Amino acid sequence: MISMKDYLGSFAHSKDLTPERYANAQRLLTACNRIEMIAIKDGVVFATNPETGSGVSGETFGGFRPQDCPQGAPHSAHKDGLAVDRYDPFGKIDAWLLTSAVAQKAMAEIGMYFEHPNATPGWSHWSIKAPPSGKRFFYP
């Protein structure tokens, strides 16, 4: 499970972490942890990223990002506390999300959206912000 400490990383004291963005992050992590519990029950193994020591992908920018972060557009889902990149070095999480009926049902019930695995080699982008298309899997 991803904790708030994991998600915020070095940006826990950022001026951009407003009460609204913190509340968004709480909702996001609740949704993510629900999906993760379902996935684990269905046999998915979640790896720990050696760079972050958690399930957050990347070295620095896989969780919350301040507005001046060089990665992502202003008010991107990451910058508003609405998305996280999950460490998925072998694509097993994404494969489960795409092919499992259990996953399809859970993501619809919980209200989560994912960047298409073709666009996220080595990680899985999870969000509670619907893309303009409204599709569960989308291209950035």
C-alpha atoms as a PDB file:
ATOM      1  CA  MET A   1       0.000   0.000   0.000  1.00  0.00           C
ATOM      2  CA  ILE A   2       1.158   3.523  -0.691  1.00  0.00           C
ATOM      3  CA  SER A   3       1.184   5.764   2.368  1.00  0.00           C
ATOM      4  CA  MET A   4       0.747   9.529   2.337  1.00  0.00           C
ATOM      5  CA  LYS A   5       4.452   9.819   3.238  1.00  0.00           C
ATOM      6  CA  ASP A   6       5.337   7.682   0.196  1.00  0.00           C
ATOM      7  CA  TYR A   7       3.053   9.701  -2.065  1.00  0.00           C
ATOM      8  CA  LEU A   8       4.254  13.143  -0.976  1.00  0.00           C
ATOM      9  CA  GLY A   9       7.923  12.194  -0.816  1.00  0.00           C
ATOM     10  CA  SER A  10      10.212  15.204  -0.629  1.00  0.00           C
ATOM     11  CA  PHE A  11       7.295  17.538  -1.392  1.00  0.00           C
ATOM     12  CA  ALA A  12       5.464  17.003   1.928  1.00  0.00           C
ATOM     13  CA  HIS A  13       6.118  20.615   2.933  1.00  0.00           C
ATOM     14  CA  SER A  14       5.552  22.203  -0.468  1.00  0.00           C
ATOM     15  CA  LYS A  15       3.552  25.427  -0.509  1.00  0.00           C
ATOM     16  CA  ASP A  16       1.612  23.807  -3.366  1.00  0.00           C
ATOM     17  CA  LEU A  17       0.244  21.091  -1.084  1.00  0.00           C
ATOM     18  CA  THR A  18      -2.943  22.993  -0.298  1.00  0.00           C
ATOM     19  CA  PRO A  19      -5.702  21.553   1.892  1.00  0.00           C
ATOM     20  CA  GLU A  20      -7.668  20.760  -1.293  1.00  0.00           C
ATOM     21  CA  ARG A  21      -4.741  18.893  -2.864  1.00  0.00           C
ATOM     22  CA  TYR A  22      -4.100  17.021   0.391  1.00  0.00           C
ATOM     23  CA  ALA A  23      -7.767  15.957   0.465  1.00  0.00           C
ATOM     24  CA  ASN A  24      -7.453  14.860  -3.173  1.00  0.00           C
ATOM     25  CA  ALA A  25      -4.401  12.794  -2.252  1.00  0.00           C
ATOM     26  CA  GLN A  26      -6.310  11.136   0.591  1.00  0.00           C
ATOM     27  CA  ARG A  27      -9.130  10.176  -1.801  1.00  0.00           C
ATOM     28  CA  LEU A  28      -6.604   8.960  -4.372  1.00  0.00           C
ATOM     29  CA  LEU A  29      -4.710   6.767  -1.929  1.00  0.00           C
ATOM     30  CA  THR A  30      -7.932   5.307  -0.533  1.00  0.00           C
ATOM     31  CA  ALA A  31      -8.958   4.330  -4.080  1.00  0.00           C
ATOM     32  CA  CYS A  32      -5.474   3.020  -4.956  1.00  0.00           C
ATOM     33  CA  ASN A  33      -5.237   0.937  -1.828  1.00  0.00           C
ATOM     34  CA  ARG A  34      -8.670  -0.578  -2.482  1.00  0.00           C
ATOM     35  CA  ILE A  35      -7.605  -1.604  -5.998  1.00  0.00           C
ATOM     36  CA  GLU A  36      -4.300  -2.934  -4.681  1.00  0.00           C
ATOM     37  CA  MET A  37      -6.033  -5.109  -2.051  1.00  0.00           C
ATOM     38  CA  ILE A  38      -8.298  -6.559  -4.738  1.00  0.00           C
ATOM     39  CA  ALA A  39      -5.314  -7.191  -7.008  1.00  0.00           C
ATOM     40  CA  ILE A  40      -3.349  -8.935  -4.264  1.00  0.00           C
ATOM     41  CA  LYS A  41      -6.335 -11.194  -3.537  1.00  0.00           C
ATOM     42  CA  ASP A  42      -6.356 -11.984  -7.266  1.00  0.00           C
ATOM     43  CA  GLY A  43      -2.666 -12.974  -7.207  1.00  0.00           C
ATOM     44  CA  VAL A  44      -0.915  -9.792  -8.329  1.00  0.00           C
ATOM     45  CA  VAL A  45       2.453  -9.164  -6.675  1.00  0.00           C
ATOM     46  CA  PHE A  46       3.437  -5.524  -6.200  1.00  0.00           C
ATOM     47  CA  ALA A  47       7.155  -4.771  -6.348  1.00  0.00           C
ATOM     48  CA  THR A  48       8.937  -2.146  -4.288  1.00  0.00           C
ATOM     49  CA  ASN A  49      10.802   0.522  -6.230  1.00  0.00           C
ATOM     50  CA  PRO A  50      14.410   0.519  -5.007  1.00  0.00           C
ATOM     51  CA  GLU A  51      14.656   4.253  -5.780  1.00  0.00           C
ATOM     52  CA  THR A  52      11.708   5.302  -3.592  1.00  0.00           C
ATOM     53  CA  GLY A  53      11.525   2.371  -1.173  1.00  0.00           C
ATOM     54  CA  SER A  54       7.791   2.143  -1.899  1.00  0.00           C
ATOM     55  CA  GLY A  55       5.342   1.320  -4.675  1.00  0.00           C
ATOM     56  CA  VAL A  56       5.745   4.825  -6.131  1.00  0.00           C
ATOM     57  CA  SER A  57       7.557   4.789  -9.473  1.00  0.00           C
ATOM     58  CA  GLY A  58      10.432   6.952 -10.623  1.00  0.00           C
ATOM     59  CA  GLU A  59      13.085   8.621  -8.527  1.00  0.00           C
ATOM     60  CA  THR A  60      11.286  11.794  -7.450  1.00  0.00           C
ATOM     61  CA  PHE A  61       8.196  12.645  -9.498  1.00  0.00           C
ATOM     62  CA  GLY A  62       5.963   9.521  -9.349  1.00  0.00           C
ATOM     63  CA  GLY A  63       3.679  10.877  -6.645  1.00  0.00           C
ATOM     64  CA  PHE A  64       2.649  14.412  -5.767  1.00  0.00           C
ATOM     65  CA  ARG A  65       4.365  17.131  -7.816  1.00  0.00           C
ATOM     66  CA  PRO A  66       4.529  20.830  -6.967  1.00  0.00           C
ATOM     67  CA  GLN A  67       3.337  23.285  -9.592  1.00  0.00           C
ATOM     68  CA  ASP A  68       6.893  24.235 -10.598  1.00  0.00           C
ATOM     69  CA  CYS A  69       7.902  20.613 -11.189  1.00  0.00           C
ATOM     70  CA  PRO A  70       9.532  20.240 -14.613  1.00  0.00           C
ATOM     71  CA  GLN A  71       7.492  17.097 -15.267  1.00  0.00           C
ATOM     72  CA  GLY A  72       3.829  17.507 -16.170  1.00  0.00           C
ATOM     73  CA  ALA A  73       1.649  20.421 -17.187  1.00  0.00           C
ATOM     74  CA  PRO A  74       0.362  22.973 -14.667  1.00  0.00           C
ATOM     75  CA  HIS A  75      -2.541  21.446 -12.764  1.00  0.00           C
ATOM     76  CA  SER A  76      -1.823  17.969 -14.080  1.00  0.00           C
ATOM     77  CA  ALA A  77      -3.399  15.150 -12.082  1.00  0.00           C
ATOM     78  CA  HIS A  78      -0.104  14.637 -10.203  1.00  0.00           C
ATOM     79  CA  LYS A  79       0.115  18.339  -9.374  1.00  0.00           C
ATOM     80  CA  ASP A  80      -3.427  18.371  -8.021  1.00  0.00           C
ATOM     81  CA  GLY A  81      -3.015  15.223  -5.913  1.00  0.00           C
ATOM     82  CA  LEU A  82      -5.174  13.121  -8.231  1.00  0.00           C
ATOM     83  CA  ALA A  83      -2.663  10.638  -9.718  1.00  0.00           C
ATOM     84  CA  VAL A  84       0.244   8.388  -8.826  1.00  0.00           C
ATOM     85  CA  ASP A  85       2.659   6.329 -10.889  1.00  0.00           C
ATOM     86  CA  ARG A  86       2.943   2.777  -9.548  1.00  0.00           C
ATOM     87  CA  TYR A  87       6.195   0.881  -9.928  1.00  0.00           C
ATOM     88  CA  ASP A  88       5.472  -1.892 -12.448  1.00  0.00           C
ATOM     89  CA  PRO A  89       8.828  -2.967 -13.942  1.00  0.00           C
ATOM     90  CA  PHE A  90       7.460  -6.046 -15.722  1.00  0.00           C
ATOM     91  CA  GLY A  91       3.980  -4.770 -16.666  1.00  0.00           C
ATOM     92  CA  LYS A  92       2.198  -7.271 -14.419  1.00  0.00           C
ATOM     93  CA  ILE A  93      -0.029  -4.676 -12.770  1.00  0.00           C
ATOM     94  CA  ASP A  94      -1.036  -3.186 -16.113  1.00  0.00           C
ATOM     95  CA  ALA A  95      -1.658  -6.660 -17.558  1.00  0.00           C
ATOM     96  CA  TRP A  96      -3.999  -7.469 -14.683  1.00  0.00           C
ATOM     97  CA  LEU A  97      -5.819  -4.139 -15.025  1.00  0.00           C
ATOM     98  CA  LEU A  98      -6.344  -4.684 -18.762  1.00  0.00           C
ATOM     99  CA  THR A  99      -7.367  -8.351 -18.737  1.00  0.00           C
ATOM    100  CA  SER A 100      -8.995  -9.197 -15.417  1.00  0.00           C
ATOM    101  CA  ALA A 101     -12.775  -9.035 -15.095  1.00  0.00           C
ATOM    102  CA  VAL A 102     -12.226  -8.510 -11.365  1.00  0.00           C
ATOM    103  CA  ALA A 103     -10.070  -5.464 -12.140  1.00  0.00           C
ATOM    104  CA  GLN A 104     -12.548  -4.064 -14.660  1.00  0.00           C
ATOM    105  CA  LYS A 105     -15.366  -4.265 -12.128  1.00  0.00           C
ATOM    106  CA  ALA A 106     -13.272  -2.756  -9.328  1.00  0.00           C
ATOM    107  CA  MET A 107     -11.983   0.178 -11.350  1.00  0.00           C
ATOM    108  CA  ALA A 108     -15.513   1.069 -12.435  1.00  0.00           C
ATOM    109  CA  GLU A 109     -16.909   0.812  -8.906  1.00  0.00           C
ATOM    110  CA  ILE A 110     -14.045   2.762  -7.353  1.00  0.00           C
ATOM    111  CA  GLY A 111     -13.792   5.343 -10.151  1.00  0.00           C
ATOM    112  CA  MET A 112     -10.212   4.966 -11.297  1.00  0.00           C
ATOM    113  CA  TYR A 113      -8.536   5.683 -14.621  1.00  0.00           C
ATOM    114  CA  PHE A 114      -5.224   4.515 -16.046  1.00  0.00           C
ATOM    115  CA  GLU A 115      -2.860   5.605 -18.771  1.00  0.00           C
ATOM    116  CA  HIS A 116      -2.630   2.903 -21.414  1.00  0.00           C
ATOM    117  CA  PRO A 117       0.216   0.478 -20.659  1.00  0.00           C
ATOM    118  CA  ASN A 118       1.777   1.200 -24.060  1.00  0.00           C
ATOM    119  CA  ALA A 119       2.432   4.733 -22.774  1.00  0.00           C
ATOM    120  CA  THR A 120       3.838   3.683 -19.393  1.00  0.00           C
ATOM    121  CA  PRO A 121       6.699   1.197 -19.745  1.00  0.00           C
ATOM    122  CA  GLY A 122       7.935   0.254 -16.272  1.00  0.00           C
ATOM    123  CA  TRP A 123       5.145   1.985 -14.386  1.00  0.00           C
ATOM    124  CA  SER A 124       1.372   2.124 -14.159  1.00  0.00           C
ATOM    125  CA  HIS A 125      -0.354   5.519 -13.981  1.00  0.00           C
ATOM    126  CA  TRP A 126      -3.357   5.481 -11.608  1.00  0.00           C
ATOM    127  CA  SER A 127      -5.767   8.405 -11.286  1.00  0.00           C
ATOM    128  CA  ILE A 128      -9.123   9.396  -9.856  1.00  0.00           C
ATOM    129  CA  LYS A 129      -9.378  12.155 -12.465  1.00  0.00           C
ATOM    130  CA  ALA A 130     -11.341  11.093 -15.520  1.00  0.00           C
ATOM    131  CA  PRO A 131      -9.693  11.939 -18.823  1.00  0.00           C
ATOM    132  CA  PRO A 132     -11.701  13.996 -21.340  1.00  0.00           C
ATOM    133  CA  SER A 133     -12.544  10.765 -23.205  1.00  0.00           C
ATOM    134  CA  GLY A 134     -14.009   9.200 -20.055  1.00  0.00           C
ATOM    135  CA  LYS A 135     -12.246   5.933 -20.939  1.00  0.00           C
ATOM    136  CA  ARG A 136     -10.758   3.822 -18.154  1.00  0.00           C
ATOM    137  CA  PHE A 137      -7.539   3.467 -20.196  1.00  0.00           C
ATOM    138  CA  PHE A 138      -6.327   6.536 -22.033  1.00  0.00           C
ATOM    139  CA  TYR A 139      -3.294   7.927 -23.817  1.00  0.00           C
ATOM    140  CA  PRO A 140      -1.720  11.037 -22.281  1.00  0.00           C
END
